[in-house]
Protein backbone atom coordinates (compact mmCIF):
# COMPACT_ATOMS: atom_id res chain seq x y z
CA MET A 1 78.78 150.68 -97.01
CA ALA A 2 80.54 153.62 -95.38
CA ASP A 3 83.56 152.86 -93.25
CA GLN A 4 82.70 152.55 -89.59
CA LYS A 5 83.85 155.47 -87.47
CA PRO A 6 86.92 154.47 -85.43
CA ILE A 7 86.36 154.14 -81.70
CA LYS A 8 87.92 156.90 -79.61
CA ARG A 9 89.15 155.45 -76.33
CA ALA A 10 90.59 156.80 -73.11
CA ILE A 11 92.26 154.96 -70.27
CA THR A 12 92.60 156.22 -66.71
CA LEU A 13 95.45 154.98 -64.54
CA GLY A 14 94.85 155.91 -60.91
CA GLY A 15 97.07 156.27 -57.87
CA GLY A 16 98.31 153.51 -55.62
CA GLY A 17 102.08 153.79 -55.12
CA PRO A 18 103.63 150.31 -54.71
CA ALA A 19 100.73 148.79 -56.68
CA ALA A 20 102.42 149.91 -59.91
CA GLY A 21 102.70 146.28 -60.99
CA LEU A 22 98.92 146.11 -61.38
CA HIS A 23 98.96 148.89 -63.99
CA ILE A 24 101.85 147.22 -65.80
CA GLY A 25 99.98 143.91 -65.92
CA VAL A 26 96.86 145.67 -67.21
CA LEU A 27 98.85 147.31 -70.02
CA GLU A 28 100.55 144.00 -70.80
CA ALA A 29 97.17 142.36 -71.41
CA LEU A 30 95.84 145.31 -73.42
CA GLN A 31 98.86 145.60 -75.71
CA SER A 32 98.29 142.05 -76.96
CA HIS A 33 94.97 143.23 -78.40
CA ARG A 34 96.15 145.44 -81.23
CA ASP A 35 92.57 146.56 -81.95
CA ILE A 36 92.32 148.20 -78.51
CA LYS A 37 94.24 151.46 -78.79
CA PHE A 38 93.96 154.48 -76.52
CA ASP A 39 93.75 158.02 -77.86
CA VAL A 40 93.70 159.66 -74.42
CA TRP A 41 95.56 158.83 -71.21
CA SER A 42 94.27 160.38 -67.97
CA LEU A 43 96.80 159.83 -65.20
CA SER A 44 97.52 160.47 -61.53
CA CYS A 45 100.27 159.53 -59.04
CA ILE A 46 101.86 156.15 -59.84
CA GLY A 47 99.49 155.85 -62.79
CA ALA A 48 101.19 158.90 -64.30
CA TRP A 49 104.61 157.30 -63.90
CA VAL A 50 103.50 154.03 -65.49
CA GLY A 51 101.56 155.75 -68.29
CA ILE A 52 104.35 158.15 -69.20
CA VAL A 53 107.10 155.51 -69.05
CA TYR A 54 104.96 153.19 -71.19
CA ASN A 55 104.29 155.87 -73.82
CA GLN A 56 107.90 156.97 -74.23
CA TRP A 57 108.60 154.22 -76.77
CA ASP A 58 107.54 153.86 -80.39
CA ASP A 59 105.17 150.92 -81.00
CA LYS A 60 107.04 150.08 -84.19
CA LYS A 61 110.41 149.88 -82.47
CA VAL A 62 109.42 148.39 -79.11
CA ARG A 63 106.99 145.52 -79.44
CA ASN A 64 106.63 144.78 -75.71
CA LYS A 65 106.35 148.18 -74.06
CA ALA A 66 104.88 146.64 -70.90
CA GLU A 67 108.03 144.56 -70.41
CA ARG A 68 110.22 147.64 -70.87
CA THR A 69 108.04 149.50 -68.38
CA TYR A 70 108.38 146.63 -65.93
CA GLN A 71 112.17 146.69 -66.27
CA PHE A 72 112.21 150.45 -65.63
CA PHE A 73 110.41 150.01 -62.30
CA LYS A 74 112.19 146.79 -61.37
CA ASP A 75 115.66 148.24 -61.87
CA GLY A 76 115.05 151.86 -60.90
CA VAL A 77 112.32 151.94 -58.24
CA PHE A 78 111.61 148.60 -56.56
CA ARG A 79 114.18 146.85 -54.36
CA ASP A 80 115.07 143.16 -54.41
CA ASP A 81 113.20 141.07 -51.83
CA GLU A 82 116.22 140.24 -49.67
CA GLY A 83 117.40 143.84 -49.52
CA TYR A 84 113.92 145.18 -48.85
CA GLU A 85 113.39 142.82 -45.92
CA ARG A 86 115.78 144.85 -43.73
CA PHE A 87 115.76 148.12 -45.66
CA PRO A 88 112.05 148.74 -46.49
CA ILE A 89 112.51 151.84 -48.64
CA ASN A 90 112.33 151.97 -52.42
CA LYS A 91 115.26 153.15 -54.52
CA VAL A 92 113.96 156.68 -55.20
CA PHE A 93 112.73 157.79 -51.76
CA GLY A 94 116.08 159.30 -50.80
CA THR A 95 116.51 161.77 -47.97
CA ASP A 96 117.28 165.30 -49.18
CA TRP A 97 120.41 165.64 -47.03
CA ARG A 98 121.52 169.00 -48.41
CA SER A 99 118.17 170.69 -47.87
CA ASN A 100 117.80 169.10 -44.44
CA ILE A 101 121.24 170.34 -43.37
CA ASP A 102 120.47 173.81 -44.72
CA ALA A 103 117.14 173.81 -42.89
CA PHE A 104 118.72 172.79 -39.58
CA ASN A 105 121.51 175.35 -40.04
CA ASP A 106 118.91 178.07 -40.63
CA PHE A 107 117.06 176.96 -37.52
CA VAL A 108 120.03 176.91 -35.15
CA THR A 109 121.33 180.27 -36.44
CA GLU A 110 117.98 182.04 -36.07
CA PRO A 111 118.03 184.04 -32.77
CA ASP A 112 114.25 183.93 -32.37
CA ASN A 113 114.39 180.15 -31.95
CA TYR A 114 116.29 180.62 -28.68
CA LYS A 115 113.79 182.92 -26.99
CA ASP A 116 112.08 179.96 -25.35
CA PHE A 117 115.33 178.08 -24.80
CA ARG A 118 115.54 178.77 -21.08
CA TRP A 119 114.46 177.25 -17.83
CA GLN A 120 111.00 178.45 -16.82
CA PRO A 121 110.71 177.99 -13.04
CA TYR A 122 106.95 178.59 -12.91
CA LYS A 123 106.20 176.00 -15.60
CA MET A 124 108.59 173.58 -13.96
CA MET A 125 106.91 174.13 -10.60
CA ASP A 126 103.51 173.55 -12.19
CA SER A 127 104.76 170.30 -13.72
CA PHE A 128 106.20 169.21 -10.35
CA GLN A 129 102.92 169.95 -8.56
CA GLU A 130 100.92 168.11 -11.25
CA SER A 131 103.27 165.15 -10.93
CA MET A 132 102.83 165.06 -7.16
CA ALA A 133 99.07 165.30 -7.57
CA ILE A 134 99.06 162.33 -9.93
CA LEU A 135 101.25 160.37 -7.50
CA SER A 136 99.10 161.21 -4.48
CA ASP A 137 95.96 160.14 -6.31
CA HIS A 138 97.37 156.65 -6.74
CA ILE A 139 99.35 155.88 -3.58
CA PRO A 140 97.47 154.15 -0.73
CA GLY A 141 96.41 156.17 2.29
CA ARG A 142 93.86 156.30 5.11
CA GLY A 143 90.73 154.73 3.69
CA LYS A 144 92.20 154.68 0.16
CA LYS A 145 93.50 151.67 -1.74
CA PHE A 146 96.43 151.64 -4.09
CA ARG A 147 95.49 152.51 -7.67
CA LYS A 148 97.71 151.30 -10.46
CA LEU A 149 98.79 153.93 -12.97
CA ASP A 150 97.41 153.20 -16.41
CA GLU A 151 99.92 153.05 -19.25
CA GLY A 152 98.15 155.94 -20.95
CA ASP A 153 98.52 158.05 -17.80
CA ILE A 154 102.24 157.27 -17.65
CA ASN A 155 102.78 158.18 -21.28
CA GLY A 156 100.78 161.37 -20.83
CA TRP A 157 102.83 162.30 -17.77
CA ILE A 158 106.12 161.77 -19.64
CA LEU A 159 104.90 163.84 -22.58
CA ASN A 160 103.36 166.75 -20.66
CA GLN A 161 105.14 166.91 -17.30
CA VAL A 162 108.61 165.68 -18.24
CA MET A 163 109.29 166.48 -21.89
CA ALA A 164 107.20 169.59 -22.58
CA PRO A 165 108.72 171.80 -19.84
CA ASN A 166 112.30 170.75 -20.64
CA PRO A 167 113.96 173.47 -22.75
CA PHE A 168 116.38 171.04 -24.43
CA VAL A 169 113.55 168.73 -25.47
CA ARG A 170 111.47 171.70 -26.66
CA PHE A 171 114.34 173.00 -28.77
CA LEU A 172 115.07 169.63 -30.39
CA THR A 173 111.39 168.96 -31.00
CA SER A 174 110.81 172.33 -32.63
CA MET A 175 113.94 171.86 -34.73
CA MET A 176 112.55 168.52 -35.91
CA TYR A 177 109.00 169.68 -36.68
CA LEU A 178 109.35 173.41 -37.41
CA SER A 179 112.44 173.49 -39.61
CA ASP A 180 111.99 174.05 -43.33
CA VAL A 181 111.79 170.30 -44.07
CA LYS A 182 108.70 169.31 -46.03
CA GLY A 183 109.07 165.58 -46.53
CA LEU A 184 110.87 162.42 -45.55
CA SER A 185 112.24 162.16 -49.07
CA ARG A 186 112.65 163.97 -52.36
CA ILE A 187 112.60 162.59 -55.89
CA ASN A 188 112.44 165.86 -57.83
CA TYR A 189 115.91 165.79 -59.36
CA PRO A 190 115.16 166.50 -63.05
CA ASN A 191 118.79 166.10 -64.09
CA SER A 192 119.41 162.83 -62.25
CA GLU A 193 120.30 159.71 -64.21
CA PHE A 194 117.06 158.12 -63.01
CA MET A 195 114.87 160.87 -64.51
CA LYS A 196 116.94 160.90 -67.70
CA GLU A 197 115.78 157.33 -68.29
CA ILE A 198 112.40 158.82 -69.29
CA ASP A 199 112.29 160.32 -72.78
CA PHE A 200 109.80 163.14 -72.19
CA GLU A 201 110.46 164.63 -75.61
CA TYR A 202 109.06 161.55 -77.33
CA LEU A 203 105.64 162.24 -75.76
CA PHE A 204 105.25 165.31 -77.96
CA GLU A 205 104.58 165.46 -81.70
CA ASN A 206 107.72 164.99 -83.76
CA LYS A 207 108.82 166.82 -86.90
CA GLU A 208 107.49 164.09 -89.18
CA GLY A 209 104.01 164.75 -87.83
CA GLU A 210 103.51 161.35 -86.24
CA THR A 211 100.59 161.55 -83.88
CA ARG A 212 100.86 160.84 -80.19
CA PRO A 213 97.98 160.07 -77.84
CA SER A 214 96.80 162.92 -75.62
CA ILE A 215 98.43 162.37 -72.23
CA PHE A 216 97.74 164.47 -69.16
CA HIS A 217 98.29 164.08 -65.45
CA ASN A 218 97.13 166.06 -62.47
CA ALA A 219 98.74 167.70 -59.44
CA TRP A 220 97.40 169.92 -56.68
CA ASN A 221 98.40 173.59 -56.73
CA LEU A 222 98.91 174.49 -53.08
CA ASP A 223 99.14 178.23 -53.73
CA LYS A 224 95.98 178.53 -55.81
CA GLN A 225 94.21 175.68 -53.97
CA GLU A 226 93.05 174.04 -57.18
CA LEU A 227 93.70 171.03 -59.37
CA ALA A 228 96.32 171.51 -62.07
CA PHE A 229 96.86 169.60 -65.32
CA PHE A 230 100.05 169.04 -67.28
CA SER A 231 99.84 167.57 -70.76
CA ASN A 232 101.76 166.72 -73.92
CA LYS A 233 99.18 168.73 -75.89
CA PRO A 234 97.49 172.08 -75.12
CA MET A 235 94.28 171.72 -73.13
CA GLN A 236 91.19 173.91 -73.03
CA SER A 237 90.80 173.46 -69.28
CA LYS A 238 91.35 176.53 -67.11
CA PHE A 239 93.47 174.28 -64.90
CA TYR A 240 95.97 173.52 -67.66
CA GLN A 241 99.43 174.58 -66.46
CA GLY A 242 101.77 173.53 -69.26
CA ASP A 243 103.83 170.69 -70.68
CA ILE A 244 104.63 167.44 -68.97
CA ASN A 245 108.23 167.25 -67.78
CA ALA A 246 110.33 165.64 -65.06
CA SER A 247 109.28 168.12 -62.37
CA THR A 248 105.56 167.91 -63.15
CA LEU A 249 105.75 164.11 -62.95
CA CYS A 250 107.44 164.35 -59.55
CA ALA A 251 104.85 166.93 -58.44
CA CYS A 252 101.95 164.62 -59.25
CA SER A 253 103.22 162.03 -56.76
CA ALA A 254 104.56 164.36 -54.04
CA LEU A 255 102.50 163.00 -51.18
CA PRO A 256 102.93 165.40 -48.22
CA PHE A 257 105.18 164.11 -45.42
CA VAL A 258 106.32 161.16 -47.53
CA GLU A 259 107.75 163.31 -50.33
CA GLY A 260 108.68 166.98 -50.42
CA THR A 261 106.47 169.33 -52.40
CA VAL A 262 107.64 170.53 -55.83
CA LYS A 263 107.94 174.16 -56.88
CA ILE A 264 107.28 174.89 -60.56
CA GLY A 265 107.49 178.54 -61.51
CA ASP A 266 105.93 180.57 -58.70
CA ASP A 267 103.63 177.83 -57.45
CA THR A 268 104.12 174.80 -55.22
CA TYR A 269 102.49 171.47 -56.02
CA CYS A 270 101.76 168.17 -54.34
CA GLU A 271 99.96 164.98 -55.30
CA GLY A 272 96.76 165.50 -57.28
CA ALA A 273 95.33 162.09 -56.37
CA LEU A 274 94.58 163.57 -52.95
CA VAL A 275 91.67 165.28 -54.69
CA ASP A 276 90.95 163.36 -57.90
CA THR A 277 92.50 160.07 -58.93
CA VAL A 278 90.77 159.49 -62.29
CA ASN A 279 90.04 163.01 -63.66
CA PHE A 280 86.68 161.98 -65.15
CA GLU A 281 85.12 165.44 -65.24
CA SER A 282 88.07 167.06 -66.97
CA LEU A 283 88.47 164.04 -69.25
CA LEU A 284 84.98 164.48 -70.71
CA GLU A 285 85.18 168.27 -70.78
CA GLU A 286 88.35 168.00 -72.84
CA HIS A 287 87.23 165.04 -74.97
CA PRO A 288 83.42 164.99 -75.15
CA ASP A 289 83.57 162.77 -78.25
CA LEU A 290 85.01 159.80 -76.37
CA ASP A 291 83.32 156.48 -77.10
CA GLU A 292 84.96 154.41 -74.37
CA ILE A 293 86.70 154.96 -71.05
CA TRP A 294 88.70 152.11 -69.54
CA VAL A 295 89.32 152.38 -65.80
CA SER A 296 92.38 150.90 -64.09
CA ARG A 297 91.96 152.19 -60.54
CA ILE A 298 94.10 149.37 -59.04
CA VAL A 299 93.31 149.75 -55.33
CA ASP A 300 90.12 149.73 -53.27
CA SER A 301 89.30 149.93 -49.59
CA LYS A 302 89.15 146.13 -49.27
CA GLN A 303 92.89 146.03 -49.86
CA ILE A 304 93.62 148.04 -46.72
CA ARG A 305 94.75 145.64 -44.03
CA LYS A 306 95.79 145.68 -40.39
CA PRO A 307 99.29 147.16 -40.03
CA GLU A 308 101.96 144.99 -38.46
CA ASN A 309 104.58 147.73 -38.07
CA LEU A 310 105.26 151.40 -38.82
CA HIS A 311 106.02 150.57 -42.45
CA ASP A 312 102.56 149.02 -42.86
CA ALA A 313 100.90 151.84 -40.96
CA LEU A 314 102.44 154.52 -43.19
CA ALA A 315 101.61 152.53 -46.34
CA ASN A 316 98.01 152.07 -45.24
CA LEU A 317 97.73 155.78 -44.47
CA CYS A 318 98.84 156.59 -48.02
CA GLN A 319 96.70 153.96 -49.72
CA LEU A 320 93.49 154.48 -47.76
CA PHE A 321 92.80 157.85 -49.34
CA ALA A 322 93.81 156.58 -52.80
CA ALA A 323 91.39 153.69 -52.47
CA THR A 324 88.42 155.62 -51.11
CA VAL A 325 88.89 158.67 -53.34
CA GLY A 326 89.20 156.40 -56.37
CA GLU A 327 86.09 154.43 -55.45
CA ASP A 328 84.08 157.59 -54.87
CA ASP A 329 85.32 159.18 -58.12
CA VAL A 330 84.13 156.20 -60.15
CA LYS A 331 80.78 156.11 -58.34
CA LEU A 332 80.22 159.84 -58.86
CA PHE A 333 81.16 159.61 -62.52
CA LYS A 334 78.73 156.75 -63.14
CA TYR A 335 76.03 158.61 -61.23
CA HIS A 336 76.43 161.71 -63.41
CA VAL A 337 76.53 159.64 -66.60
CA LYS A 338 73.30 157.88 -65.60
CA CYS A 339 71.42 160.82 -64.13
CA ASP A 340 72.56 164.10 -65.74
CA THR A 341 70.20 164.81 -68.62
CA PRO A 342 71.91 167.90 -70.11
CA HIS A 343 74.88 166.92 -72.31
CA LYS A 344 74.44 163.30 -71.24
CA TRP A 345 77.39 161.15 -72.28
CA ALA A 346 76.33 157.87 -73.89
CA GLY A 347 79.63 156.05 -74.14
CA THR A 348 80.98 152.84 -72.62
CA VAL A 349 82.87 152.44 -69.34
CA VAL A 350 85.01 149.31 -68.89
CA GLU A 351 86.17 148.71 -65.33
CA ILE A 352 89.17 146.52 -64.50
CA HIS A 353 88.82 144.91 -61.07
CA VAL A 354 91.76 143.21 -59.37
CA PRO A 355 90.67 139.99 -57.62
CA GLY A 356 93.35 139.76 -54.95
CA HIS A 357 94.80 141.75 -52.09
CA ILE A 358 98.13 143.26 -53.04
CA ASN A 359 100.43 144.63 -50.36
CA PHE A 360 102.20 147.97 -50.34
CA ASN A 361 105.81 146.83 -50.37
CA TRP A 362 108.29 148.35 -52.82
CA ASN A 363 109.94 145.00 -53.50
CA HIS A 364 110.28 142.83 -56.60
CA GLY A 365 107.96 140.16 -55.22
CA ASN A 366 105.09 142.63 -54.90
CA LEU A 367 105.83 144.16 -58.31
CA ASN A 368 105.70 140.69 -59.91
CA GLU A 369 102.56 139.68 -58.03
CA GLY A 370 100.82 142.91 -59.03
CA ARG A 371 101.81 142.43 -62.65
CA LYS A 372 100.35 138.92 -62.66
CA LEU A 373 97.10 140.02 -61.02
CA GLY A 374 96.75 143.10 -63.22
CA LYS A 375 97.19 141.05 -66.37
CA ALA A 376 94.60 138.48 -65.29
CA ALA A 377 92.14 141.21 -64.30
CA ALA A 378 92.54 142.99 -67.63
CA GLN A 379 92.09 139.74 -69.57
CA GLN A 380 88.83 139.13 -67.75
CA ALA A 381 87.69 142.70 -68.43
CA ILE A 382 88.61 142.35 -72.13
CA ALA A 383 86.58 139.13 -72.32
CA ALA A 384 83.59 140.89 -70.75
CA TYR A 385 84.03 143.77 -73.22
CA GLN A 386 84.12 141.40 -76.18
CA GLU A 387 80.92 139.74 -74.97
CA HIS A 388 79.34 143.17 -74.81
CA LEU A 389 80.37 143.87 -78.42
CA LYS A 390 78.78 140.61 -79.56
CA ALA A 391 75.56 141.44 -77.70
CA GLN A 392 75.55 144.93 -79.22
CA LYS A 393 76.02 143.49 -82.70
CA ALA A 394 73.13 141.06 -82.20
CA LYS A 395 70.81 143.56 -80.53
CA PRO A 396 72.18 147.11 -80.45
CA HIS A 397 70.90 149.66 -77.96
CA LYS A 398 72.07 153.11 -76.99
CA GLY A 399 74.35 153.72 -74.01
CA PRO A 400 75.65 154.53 -71.61
CA HIS A 401 77.09 151.05 -71.10
CA PHE A 402 78.92 149.89 -68.00
CA ILE A 403 81.08 146.82 -68.62
CA ASN A 404 82.39 144.69 -65.76
CA GLU A 405 80.62 146.89 -63.24
CA ASN A 406 79.93 143.92 -60.94
CA PRO A 407 82.68 141.39 -61.74
CA GLU A 408 81.57 139.03 -58.96
CA GLU A 409 78.73 138.02 -61.27
CA ASP A 410 81.20 136.92 -63.97
CA PRO A 411 82.23 133.22 -63.65
CA ASN A 412 85.62 134.05 -65.23
CA TRP A 413 86.30 136.64 -62.54
CA GLN A 414 85.26 134.22 -59.79
CA ARG A 415 87.55 131.51 -61.19
CA MET A 416 90.37 134.01 -61.30
CA LYS A 417 89.75 134.98 -57.68
CA ASP A 418 89.52 131.34 -56.56
CA LYS A 419 92.81 130.57 -58.30
CA TYR A 420 94.45 133.53 -56.59
CA LEU A 421 93.21 132.36 -53.17
CA ARG A 422 94.47 128.81 -53.84
CA ASP A 423 97.87 130.15 -54.86
CA GLN A 424 98.02 132.28 -51.72
CA SER A 425 97.06 129.32 -49.55
CA SER A 426 99.70 127.01 -51.08
CA THR A 427 102.34 129.73 -50.71
CA ALA A 428 101.47 130.19 -47.03
CA LYS A 429 101.89 126.44 -46.42
């Protein structure tokens, strides 16, 4: 009997920021199954960080790469619970003080920025008249009862009649919003000790000819208005921009406002997960001979919760698009696989669904919780995959196959979810 053709697998690690622990837990479960190896890694945002950090070590020298990956994020990115409680910022979202100072210096030394820095009597008179009109509309008079000013009216009056006409306020506001500052933080420091912890060179083929998996991540090219790919191997895609390195990795997670954009060559990049978080189309264009695609998307819209403060609100803003874009990408991919007759792909898709609601805190507690949930979710998906293999062996039929598409129907998944809810309830008590 001829040897069976080896299975060619790909794994996609999607975006989700502080949910990095979920990816780490997924990889921890997968690495214990030595027969499940991945030839292709399709990455975006935090998935790119986890995937690249995980793949920087030799399997023969580092037996538990998931643990090493966990330590990288625990020590270098996530903050201890006590420290995070009153300083809710991770260890790499540092303010770019030098660039900010340069930007403010450029602003205050630019003569054009002072053209409107003067008292404007007509605008001030208009604001005074509008203020008096608002007041007269609400004070009692002949045949008119007192009307209480609504809070929204008060806030609108302060914004438009008090602050907007004031030249000092206008100057400070324009300096804040119109200076050359493109993000609250910056992590693109390729020569920093933090980035040097990642051995990018190991991702590429070595002199002995040892093979490496194909690894690529996306980013969004703001100048060309198109998706861009960076890889450890040349790609056929017209969107291929070059090799993976420290700057490309920072570019793929440069979420506007939260992080500054990254300039590589003549072009400026930001996060690619804004557009595509799983890269399915490019994955199959580049590797049409794939047999399996494993999906670790990590977040979905059900994990978006009511914000309790500005930290939660900003986190939800970031995660909402990652969740909905990721969900839609998977749905569109499955639709095309099922319905497109030309060049129809007949492989297997294995989805990993997380049973619980993670939060978006960059603290050790959330990293550990995500790792635990990710590992349990991957174990359940592996069990469902193994059941599929048994069924295929007993009664084979052609694909495409969708494994773990509806995990709620799997008793193992339901038990896992119930256990998570019990743990959460006991913790709350």
